[in-house]
Each structure stands twice: as structure tokens, then as C-alpha cells.
Amino acid sequence: MFDHLQTDTYTLRLAAENDLAAVKQLDDLAFGVHKGISLEELQQIVVHGAVILLFTADGQLIGESQVLLSPVDFLPYELSSDEAFYYGTARHPHMRKQGIGAILAEAQDCFARSMGKQQATLTVRVENLASLQLRLKRGFLIHTYLPAFYPGEAGTGARLVLTKRLDVAVEPAFTNITETAVSFVDEQIDLLVHDRIRGLLANGYVGYAVDASHIYWGKPVG
């Protein structure tokens, strides 16, 4: 089981109970106005999965990722026995464009595989370009749109559901390629864009790529 990894630059390890206050502080810094994780949620994640911590060589906590291996009350998603749910990832705001997200994403995959999971699932806001870029490059595909994954005003609680296989390498091919324009720069929620995405998914399309202004969709071949 993954529990500790050290390089010349970073150290990765699993969180213990006495780490969670620092994790909560980092998560609040990273997400700002968006929904931050609670201490109670972190405590349940440690019991039902793991919180993976990333430190600099001098011991500064700069990132964390959460993996659920079994269902919890606060997760509005039916987690299957062969599935890991990547609940959240946060990096220190001063560590942007340092590859922190990729390191933590690889650690999530490593931990989930070490626990025998065959599939990984996570959710992303439609307007979150950085997360979509990170996850789609690592083999995740957009399969579902949930309009109220988190309660809130219209659109703000909506999430895209992304999944990927952990047990086999998959190189999907697509036909009927199309795209949706998304306002990533200001992260303004456009419900017409959300409706278009919902319609594409309902008609068998899968999201497979993203650029600075579009999400790309296609119908799987085979």
C-alpha cells in the first residue's frame, strides 16, 4: 500500500488525525470562495480512504488529495466496491504551475490501485479549466452531468462526473466530434452551456479533451 514516498524535492505521505487541521487550512486557502472541505469530512475520509499530503523538502505542506474507498454520508454518489472516488485536491496558492496537481493525481492513482480499485471517479465544475486539463490528460473522460451535486443557487452546485479505468490501459477513439464553448477565464456560469453539455451526454457523447475556451466531445467508437 502507498503510504510514503520521498524524493530530493518532495515528500508524500498519508495524513493522520493530527494533520487534519493543517489540511483544512490549506484547502481553505486553495479554494477561496468555492466550497471548502470541513474538518468532519476530512475525519471521515481518513477512516474511509486517505488524505495524501505533499510536503517540500523542508517540511512545508503545499498540497493534499483525498481518496474515498467506500461510501460516506456526505458524498452524493453511489460508490461501487471496485471504485475509488477522488473527493478533492488542493495546492498552496503560491505553488501554481509547479506540477503539484500532477504529482498528487499520480499519488491518488497509485494509492487507489494499491487498494485493489479498478476505476477512479471524480467531479469537476464545468468552468474549472485547470482541473479539466489535468484530469483529461491523465485519461479521465466526462461521462455524466449532475445539476445539483452540491446544494446551492442554480448552476453553482452542478458538476461533471469524470471516470477512468485503473486496471487496464484504454485508448478510446471517437466519432461525431463537436465542442462547447466555455467561459473559463472569468468562470462565469452560463446555464445555456450547461444545458448543451447535458444534452450531449444524454445523446451518448463523452467529453475527452479541453482547451482554453472549449470542451471537446465525441461518441465512443466500438
C-alpha atoms as a PDB file:
ATOM      1  CA  MET A   1       0.000   0.000   0.000  1.00  0.00           C
ATOM      2  CA  PHE A   2       1.172   3.508  -0.803  1.00  0.00           C
ATOM      3  CA  ASP A   3       1.925   5.323   2.473  1.00  0.00           C
ATOM      4  CA  HIS A   4       5.185   7.240   1.983  1.00  0.00           C
ATOM      5  CA  LEU A   5       7.344   8.451  -0.908  1.00  0.00           C
ATOM      6  CA  GLN A   6      10.312  10.800  -0.753  1.00  0.00           C
ATOM      7  CA  THR A   7      12.375  12.491  -3.479  1.00  0.00           C
ATOM      8  CA  ASP A   8      15.040  15.206  -3.380  1.00  0.00           C
ATOM      9  CA  THR A   9      12.297  17.801  -3.834  1.00  0.00           C
ATOM     10  CA  TYR A  10       9.108  16.493  -2.192  1.00  0.00           C
ATOM     11  CA  THR A  11       7.756  14.062   0.377  1.00  0.00           C
ATOM     12  CA  LEU A  12       4.386  12.321   0.024  1.00  0.00           C
ATOM     13  CA  ARG A  13       2.673  10.535   2.902  1.00  0.00           C
ATOM     14  CA  LEU A  14      -0.781   9.683   4.203  1.00  0.00           C
ATOM     15  CA  ALA A  15      -2.360  12.030   6.737  1.00  0.00           C
ATOM     16  CA  ALA A  16      -3.003  11.132  10.343  1.00  0.00           C
ATOM     17  CA  GLU A  17      -5.662  12.665  12.596  1.00  0.00           C
ATOM     18  CA  ASN A  18      -3.269  15.339  13.895  1.00  0.00           C
ATOM     19  CA  ASP A  19      -2.580  16.567  10.317  1.00  0.00           C
ATOM     20  CA  LEU A  20      -6.175  17.442   9.506  1.00  0.00           C
ATOM     21  CA  ALA A  21      -6.302  20.982  10.903  1.00  0.00           C
ATOM     22  CA  ALA A  22      -3.396  21.932   8.619  1.00  0.00           C
ATOM     23  CA  VAL A  23      -5.113  20.183   5.693  1.00  0.00           C
ATOM     24  CA  LYS A  24      -8.290  22.166   6.331  1.00  0.00           C
ATOM     25  CA  GLN A  25      -6.300  25.429   6.407  1.00  0.00           C
ATOM     26  CA  LEU A  26      -4.611  24.597   3.103  1.00  0.00           C
ATOM     27  CA  ASP A  27      -7.909  23.611   1.490  1.00  0.00           C
ATOM     28  CA  ASP A  28      -9.493  26.926   2.533  1.00  0.00           C
ATOM     29  CA  LEU A  29      -6.535  28.852   1.050  1.00  0.00           C
ATOM     30  CA  ALA A  30      -6.748  26.937  -2.203  1.00  0.00           C
ATOM     31  CA  PHE A  31     -10.475  27.143  -2.823  1.00  0.00           C
ATOM     32  CA  GLY A  32     -11.342  30.603  -1.508  1.00  0.00           C
ATOM     33  CA  VAL A  33     -14.960  31.417  -2.350  1.00  0.00           C
ATOM     34  CA  HIS A  34     -15.703  27.895  -3.584  1.00  0.00           C
ATOM     35  CA  LYS A  35     -16.897  25.137  -1.295  1.00  0.00           C
ATOM     36  CA  GLY A  36     -14.133  24.133   1.121  1.00  0.00           C
ATOM     37  CA  ILE A  37     -13.928  20.820   2.899  1.00  0.00           C
ATOM     38  CA  SER A  38     -14.923  20.578   6.560  1.00  0.00           C
ATOM     39  CA  LEU A  39     -12.863  19.049   9.328  1.00  0.00           C
ATOM     40  CA  GLU A  40     -15.612  16.477   9.880  1.00  0.00           C
ATOM     41  CA  GLU A  41     -15.441  15.441   6.220  1.00  0.00           C
ATOM     42  CA  LEU A  42     -11.667  15.072   6.442  1.00  0.00           C
ATOM     43  CA  GLN A  43     -12.001  12.872   9.507  1.00  0.00           C
ATOM     44  CA  GLN A  44     -14.410  10.568   7.655  1.00  0.00           C
ATOM     45  CA  ILE A  45     -12.154  10.444   4.593  1.00  0.00           C
ATOM     46  CA  VAL A  46      -9.235   9.240   6.718  1.00  0.00           C
ATOM     47  CA  VAL A  47     -11.459   6.433   8.039  1.00  0.00           C
ATOM     48  CA  HIS A  48     -12.966   5.506   4.644  1.00  0.00           C
ATOM     49  CA  GLY A  49      -9.928   6.175   2.467  1.00  0.00           C
ATOM     50  CA  ALA A  50      -6.952   8.504   2.745  1.00  0.00           C
ATOM     51  CA  VAL A  51      -5.759  12.085   2.609  1.00  0.00           C
ATOM     52  CA  ILE A  52      -2.453  12.244   0.729  1.00  0.00           C
ATOM     53  CA  LEU A  53      -0.095  15.032   1.820  1.00  0.00           C
ATOM     54  CA  LEU A  54       2.648  16.679  -0.250  1.00  0.00           C
ATOM     55  CA  PHE A  55       5.500  18.474   1.532  1.00  0.00           C
ATOM     56  CA  THR A  56       8.533  20.402   0.331  1.00  0.00           C
ATOM     57  CA  ALA A  57      11.966  19.093   1.316  1.00  0.00           C
ATOM     58  CA  ASP A  58      11.949  21.471   4.294  1.00  0.00           C
ATOM     59  CA  GLY A  59       8.580  20.184   5.559  1.00  0.00           C
ATOM     60  CA  GLN A  60       6.109  22.781   4.244  1.00  0.00           C
ATOM     61  CA  LEU A  61       2.672  21.368   3.390  1.00  0.00           C
ATOM     62  CA  ILE A  62       1.957  22.515  -0.177  1.00  0.00           C
ATOM     63  CA  GLY A  63      -0.682  20.103  -1.418  1.00  0.00           C
ATOM     64  CA  GLU A  64      -3.199  17.442  -0.471  1.00  0.00           C
ATOM     65  CA  SER A  65      -5.520  14.992  -2.207  1.00  0.00           C
ATOM     66  CA  GLN A  66      -8.404  12.965  -0.841  1.00  0.00           C
ATOM     67  CA  VAL A  67      -9.396   9.451  -1.898  1.00  0.00           C
ATOM     68  CA  LEU A  68     -12.519   7.612  -0.759  1.00  0.00           C
ATOM     69  CA  LEU A  69     -12.586   3.829  -0.937  1.00  0.00           C
ATOM     70  CA  SER A  70     -16.059   3.292   0.477  1.00  0.00           C
ATOM     71  CA  PRO A  71     -19.262   5.363   0.748  1.00  0.00           C
ATOM     72  CA  VAL A  72     -19.717   8.189   3.261  1.00  0.00           C
ATOM     73  CA  ASP A  73     -22.835  10.122   4.211  1.00  0.00           C
ATOM     74  CA  PHE A  74     -21.712  13.437   2.687  1.00  0.00           C
ATOM     75  CA  LEU A  75     -20.904  12.023  -0.781  1.00  0.00           C
ATOM     76  CA  PRO A  76     -23.984  12.203  -3.056  1.00  0.00           C
ATOM     77  CA  TYR A  77     -22.675   9.442  -5.291  1.00  0.00           C
ATOM     78  CA  GLU A  78     -23.180   5.661  -5.244  1.00  0.00           C
ATOM     79  CA  LEU A  79     -19.642   4.341  -4.917  1.00  0.00           C
ATOM     80  CA  SER A  80     -19.213   0.747  -6.122  1.00  0.00           C
ATOM     81  CA  SER A  81     -16.937  -1.818  -4.491  1.00  0.00           C
ATOM     82  CA  ASP A  82     -14.284  -1.659  -7.257  1.00  0.00           C
ATOM     83  CA  GLU A  83     -14.253   2.135  -7.431  1.00  0.00           C
ATOM     84  CA  ALA A  84     -12.232   4.916  -5.786  1.00  0.00           C
ATOM     85  CA  PHE A  85     -13.656   8.419  -5.559  1.00  0.00           C
ATOM     86  CA  TYR A  86     -11.180  11.310  -5.692  1.00  0.00           C
ATOM     87  CA  TYR A  87     -13.013  13.744  -3.466  1.00  0.00           C
ATOM     88  CA  GLY A  88     -10.723  16.760  -3.714  1.00  0.00           C
ATOM     89  CA  THR A  89      -7.259  18.122  -4.388  1.00  0.00           C
ATOM     90  CA  ALA A  90      -5.760  21.378  -3.152  1.00  0.00           C
ATOM     91  CA  ARG A  91      -2.403  23.077  -3.605  1.00  0.00           C
ATOM     92  CA  HIS A  92      -0.974  26.143  -1.913  1.00  0.00           C
ATOM     93  CA  PRO A  93      -1.809  29.283  -3.958  1.00  0.00           C
ATOM     94  CA  HIS A  94       1.904  30.168  -4.103  1.00  0.00           C
ATOM     95  CA  MET A  95       2.681  26.857  -5.835  1.00  0.00           C
ATOM     96  CA  ARG A  96       0.773  27.315  -9.094  1.00  0.00           C
ATOM     97  CA  LYS A  97       2.362  25.935 -12.281  1.00  0.00           C
ATOM     98  CA  GLN A  98       4.823  23.817 -10.301  1.00  0.00           C
ATOM     99  CA  GLY A  99       3.395  20.442 -11.304  1.00  0.00           C
ATOM    100  CA  ILE A 100       1.808  19.931  -7.885  1.00  0.00           C
ATOM    101  CA  GLY A 101      -1.532  18.800  -9.304  1.00  0.00           C
ATOM    102  CA  ALA A 102       0.106  16.134 -11.467  1.00  0.00           C
ATOM    103  CA  ILE A 103       2.127  14.773  -8.526  1.00  0.00           C
ATOM    104  CA  LEU A 104      -0.974  14.481  -6.371  1.00  0.00           C
ATOM    105  CA  ALA A 105      -3.033  12.984  -9.200  1.00  0.00           C
ATOM    106  CA  GLU A 106      -0.399  10.282  -9.715  1.00  0.00           C
ATOM    107  CA  ALA A 107      -0.379   9.626  -5.957  1.00  0.00           C
ATOM    108  CA  GLN A 108      -4.175   9.212  -5.975  1.00  0.00           C
ATOM    109  CA  ASP A 109      -3.922   6.639  -8.776  1.00  0.00           C
ATOM    110  CA  CYS A 110      -1.077   4.829  -7.007  1.00  0.00           C
ATOM    111  CA  PHE A 111      -2.974   4.641  -3.727  1.00  0.00           C
ATOM    112  CA  ALA A 112      -6.245   3.534  -5.344  1.00  0.00           C
ATOM    113  CA  ARG A 113      -4.510   0.788  -7.331  1.00  0.00           C
ATOM    114  CA  SER A 114      -2.650  -0.375  -4.233  1.00  0.00           C
ATOM    115  CA  MET A 115      -6.037  -0.855  -2.579  1.00  0.00           C
ATOM    116  CA  GLY A 116      -7.304  -3.006  -5.449  1.00  0.00           C
ATOM    117  CA  LYS A 117      -9.581  -0.444  -7.106  1.00  0.00           C
ATOM    118  CA  GLN A 118     -10.283  -0.817 -10.823  1.00  0.00           C
ATOM    119  CA  GLN A 119     -11.942   2.521 -11.557  1.00  0.00           C
ATOM    120  CA  ALA A 120     -11.495   6.119 -10.399  1.00  0.00           C
ATOM    121  CA  THR A 121     -14.247   8.733 -10.348  1.00  0.00           C
ATOM    122  CA  LEU A 122     -14.239  12.437  -9.520  1.00  0.00           C
ATOM    123  CA  THR A 123     -16.282  15.573 -10.129  1.00  0.00           C
ATOM    124  CA  VAL A 124     -15.254  18.924 -11.613  1.00  0.00           C
ATOM    125  CA  ARG A 125     -17.039  22.228 -12.100  1.00  0.00           C
ATOM    126  CA  VAL A 126     -17.805  22.917 -15.766  1.00  0.00           C
ATOM    127  CA  GLU A 127     -15.811  26.163 -15.551  1.00  0.00           C
ATOM    128  CA  ASN A 128     -12.696  24.732 -13.833  1.00  0.00           C
ATOM    129  CA  LEU A 129     -10.192  24.668 -16.704  1.00  0.00           C
ATOM    130  CA  ALA A 130      -7.127  23.666 -14.663  1.00  0.00           C
ATOM    131  CA  SER A 131      -8.820  20.585 -13.182  1.00  0.00           C
ATOM    132  CA  LEU A 132     -10.306  19.525 -16.511  1.00  0.00           C
ATOM    133  CA  GLN A 133      -6.920  19.849 -18.229  1.00  0.00           C
ATOM    134  CA  LEU A 134      -5.182  17.840 -15.509  1.00  0.00           C
ATOM    135  CA  ARG A 135      -7.707  15.023 -15.420  1.00  0.00           C
ATOM    136  CA  LEU A 136      -8.487  14.653 -19.133  1.00  0.00           C
ATOM    137  CA  LYS A 137      -4.741  14.485 -19.894  1.00  0.00           C
ATOM    138  CA  ARG A 138      -4.483  11.642 -17.386  1.00  0.00           C
ATOM    139  CA  GLY A 139      -7.110   9.505 -19.082  1.00  0.00           C
ATOM    140  CA  PHE A 140     -10.329  10.598 -17.399  1.00  0.00           C
ATOM    141  CA  LEU A 141     -13.422  11.073 -19.568  1.00  0.00           C
ATOM    142  CA  ILE A 142     -16.550  13.123 -18.879  1.00  0.00           C
ATOM    143  CA  HIS A 143     -19.499  10.740 -18.658  1.00  0.00           C
ATOM    144  CA  THR A 144     -22.210  12.489 -16.622  1.00  0.00           C
ATOM    145  CA  TYR A 145     -23.585  15.920 -15.718  1.00  0.00           C
ATOM    146  CA  LEU A 146     -25.152  16.298 -12.270  1.00  0.00           C
ATOM    147  CA  PRO A 147     -27.091  19.584 -11.960  1.00  0.00           C
ATOM    148  CA  ALA A 148     -27.173  19.663  -8.145  1.00  0.00           C
ATOM    149  CA  PHE A 149     -24.234  17.639  -6.857  1.00  0.00           C
ATOM    150  CA  TYR A 150     -23.832  20.337  -4.206  1.00  0.00           C
ATOM    151  CA  PRO A 151     -26.866  22.317  -2.992  1.00  0.00           C
ATOM    152  CA  GLY A 152     -26.900  25.988  -3.911  1.00  0.00           C
ATOM    153  CA  GLU A 153     -28.175  28.539  -6.358  1.00  0.00           C
ATOM    154  CA  ALA A 154     -28.948  27.461  -9.921  1.00  0.00           C
ATOM    155  CA  GLY A 155     -25.856  26.110 -11.609  1.00  0.00           C
ATOM    156  CA  THR A 156     -23.377  26.622  -8.768  1.00  0.00           C
ATOM    157  CA  GLY A 157     -23.726  23.089  -7.431  1.00  0.00           C
ATOM    158  CA  ALA A 158     -23.501  21.405 -10.827  1.00  0.00           C
ATOM    159  CA  ARG A 159     -20.629  19.014 -11.506  1.00  0.00           C
ATOM    160  CA  LEU A 160     -19.248  16.980 -14.363  1.00  0.00           C
ATOM    161  CA  VAL A 161     -18.538  13.365 -13.419  1.00  0.00           C
ATOM    162  CA  LEU A 162     -15.243  12.021 -14.813  1.00  0.00           C
ATOM    163  CA  THR A 163     -14.139   8.388 -14.715  1.00  0.00           C
ATOM    164  CA  LYS A 164     -11.189   6.284 -15.857  1.00  0.00           C
ATOM    165  CA  ARG A 165     -10.023   2.697 -15.646  1.00  0.00           C
ATOM    166  CA  LEU A 166      -7.185   1.953 -13.250  1.00  0.00           C
ATOM    167  CA  ASP A 167      -6.728  -1.721 -14.088  1.00  0.00           C
ATOM    168  CA  VAL A 168      -6.231  -1.526 -17.864  1.00  0.00           C
ATOM    169  CA  ALA A 169      -4.764   0.977 -20.324  1.00  0.00           C
ATOM    170  CA  VAL A 170      -7.526   2.421 -22.506  1.00  0.00           C
ATOM    171  CA  GLU A 171      -7.026   4.390 -25.723  1.00  0.00           C
ATOM    172  CA  PRO A 172     -10.546   5.427 -26.721  1.00  0.00           C
ATOM    173  CA  ALA A 173     -11.473   6.617 -30.195  1.00  0.00           C
ATOM    174  CA  PHE A 174     -14.337   8.965 -31.013  1.00  0.00           C
ATOM    175  CA  THR A 175     -16.511   9.993 -33.921  1.00  0.00           C
ATOM    176  CA  ASN A 176     -19.046  12.833 -34.418  1.00  0.00           C
ATOM    177  CA  ILE A 177     -16.639  15.317 -32.825  1.00  0.00           C
ATOM    178  CA  THR A 178     -18.134  18.552 -31.541  1.00  0.00           C
ATOM    179  CA  GLU A 179     -17.329  21.163 -28.897  1.00  0.00           C
ATOM    180  CA  THR A 180     -18.907  23.512 -26.383  1.00  0.00           C
ATOM    181  CA  ALA A 181     -17.534  26.999 -25.745  1.00  0.00           C
ATOM    182  CA  VAL A 182     -16.978  27.618 -22.013  1.00  0.00           C
ATOM    183  CA  SER A 183     -16.052  30.897 -20.289  1.00  0.00           C
ATOM    184  CA  PHE A 184     -13.057  29.586 -18.342  1.00  0.00           C
ATOM    185  CA  VAL A 185     -11.309  32.952 -17.872  1.00  0.00           C
ATOM    186  CA  ASP A 186     -13.869  34.523 -15.540  1.00  0.00           C
ATOM    187  CA  GLU A 187     -15.522  31.206 -14.531  1.00  0.00           C
ATOM    188  CA  GLN A 188     -18.959  32.711 -15.122  1.00  0.00           C
ATOM    189  CA  ILE A 189     -21.694  30.074 -15.071  1.00  0.00           C
ATOM    190  CA  ASP A 190     -23.696  30.006 -18.308  1.00  0.00           C
ATOM    191  CA  LEU A 191     -26.725  27.752 -17.857  1.00  0.00           C
ATOM    192  CA  LEU A 192     -27.199  27.507 -21.626  1.00  0.00           C
ATOM    193  CA  VAL A 193     -23.740  25.913 -21.832  1.00  0.00           C
ATOM    194  CA  HIS A 194     -24.695  23.565 -19.007  1.00  0.00           C
ATOM    195  CA  ASP A 195     -27.872  22.600 -20.884  1.00  0.00           C
ATOM    196  CA  ARG A 196     -25.874  21.900 -24.057  1.00  0.00           C
ATOM    197  CA  ILE A 197     -23.470  19.690 -22.131  1.00  0.00           C
ATOM    198  CA  ARG A 198     -26.336  17.818 -20.510  1.00  0.00           C
ATOM    199  CA  GLY A 199     -27.893  17.258 -23.926  1.00  0.00           C
ATOM    200  CA  LEU A 200     -24.652  15.940 -25.442  1.00  0.00           C
ATOM    201  CA  LEU A 201     -24.170  13.457 -22.611  1.00  0.00           C
ATOM    202  CA  ALA A 202     -27.790  12.328 -22.840  1.00  0.00           C
ATOM    203  CA  ASN A 203     -27.195  11.590 -26.536  1.00  0.00           C
ATOM    204  CA  GLY A 204     -24.204   9.338 -25.960  1.00  0.00           C
ATOM    205  CA  TYR A 205     -21.358  11.842 -26.210  1.00  0.00           C
ATOM    206  CA  VAL A 206     -18.298  11.693 -23.949  1.00  0.00           C
ATOM    207  CA  GLY A 207     -16.013  14.612 -23.071  1.00  0.00           C
ATOM    208  CA  TYR A 208     -12.406  13.756 -23.894  1.00  0.00           C
ATOM    209  CA  ALA A 209     -10.384  16.982 -24.272  1.00  0.00           C
ATOM    210  CA  VAL A 210     -10.308  20.668 -23.369  1.00  0.00           C
ATOM    211  CA  ASP A 211      -8.516  23.827 -24.464  1.00  0.00           C
ATOM    212  CA  ALA A 212      -8.572  27.427 -23.266  1.00  0.00           C
ATOM    213  CA  SER A 213     -12.124  28.020 -24.484  1.00  0.00           C
ATOM    214  CA  HIS A 214     -13.790  24.698 -25.364  1.00  0.00           C
ATOM    215  CA  ILE A 215     -14.608  21.223 -24.110  1.00  0.00           C
ATOM    216  CA  TYR A 216     -14.463  18.598 -26.880  1.00  0.00           C
ATOM    217  CA  TRP A 217     -16.913  15.731 -27.193  1.00  0.00           C
ATOM    218  CA  GLY A 218     -17.320  12.640 -29.306  1.00  0.00           C
ATOM    219  CA  LYS A 219     -19.202   9.368 -29.492  1.00  0.00           C
ATOM    220  CA  PRO A 220     -17.062   6.376 -28.492  1.00  0.00           C
ATOM    221  CA  VAL A 221     -16.137   4.007 -31.306  1.00  0.00           C
ATOM    222  CA  GLY A 222     -16.703   0.342 -30.551  1.00  0.00           C
END
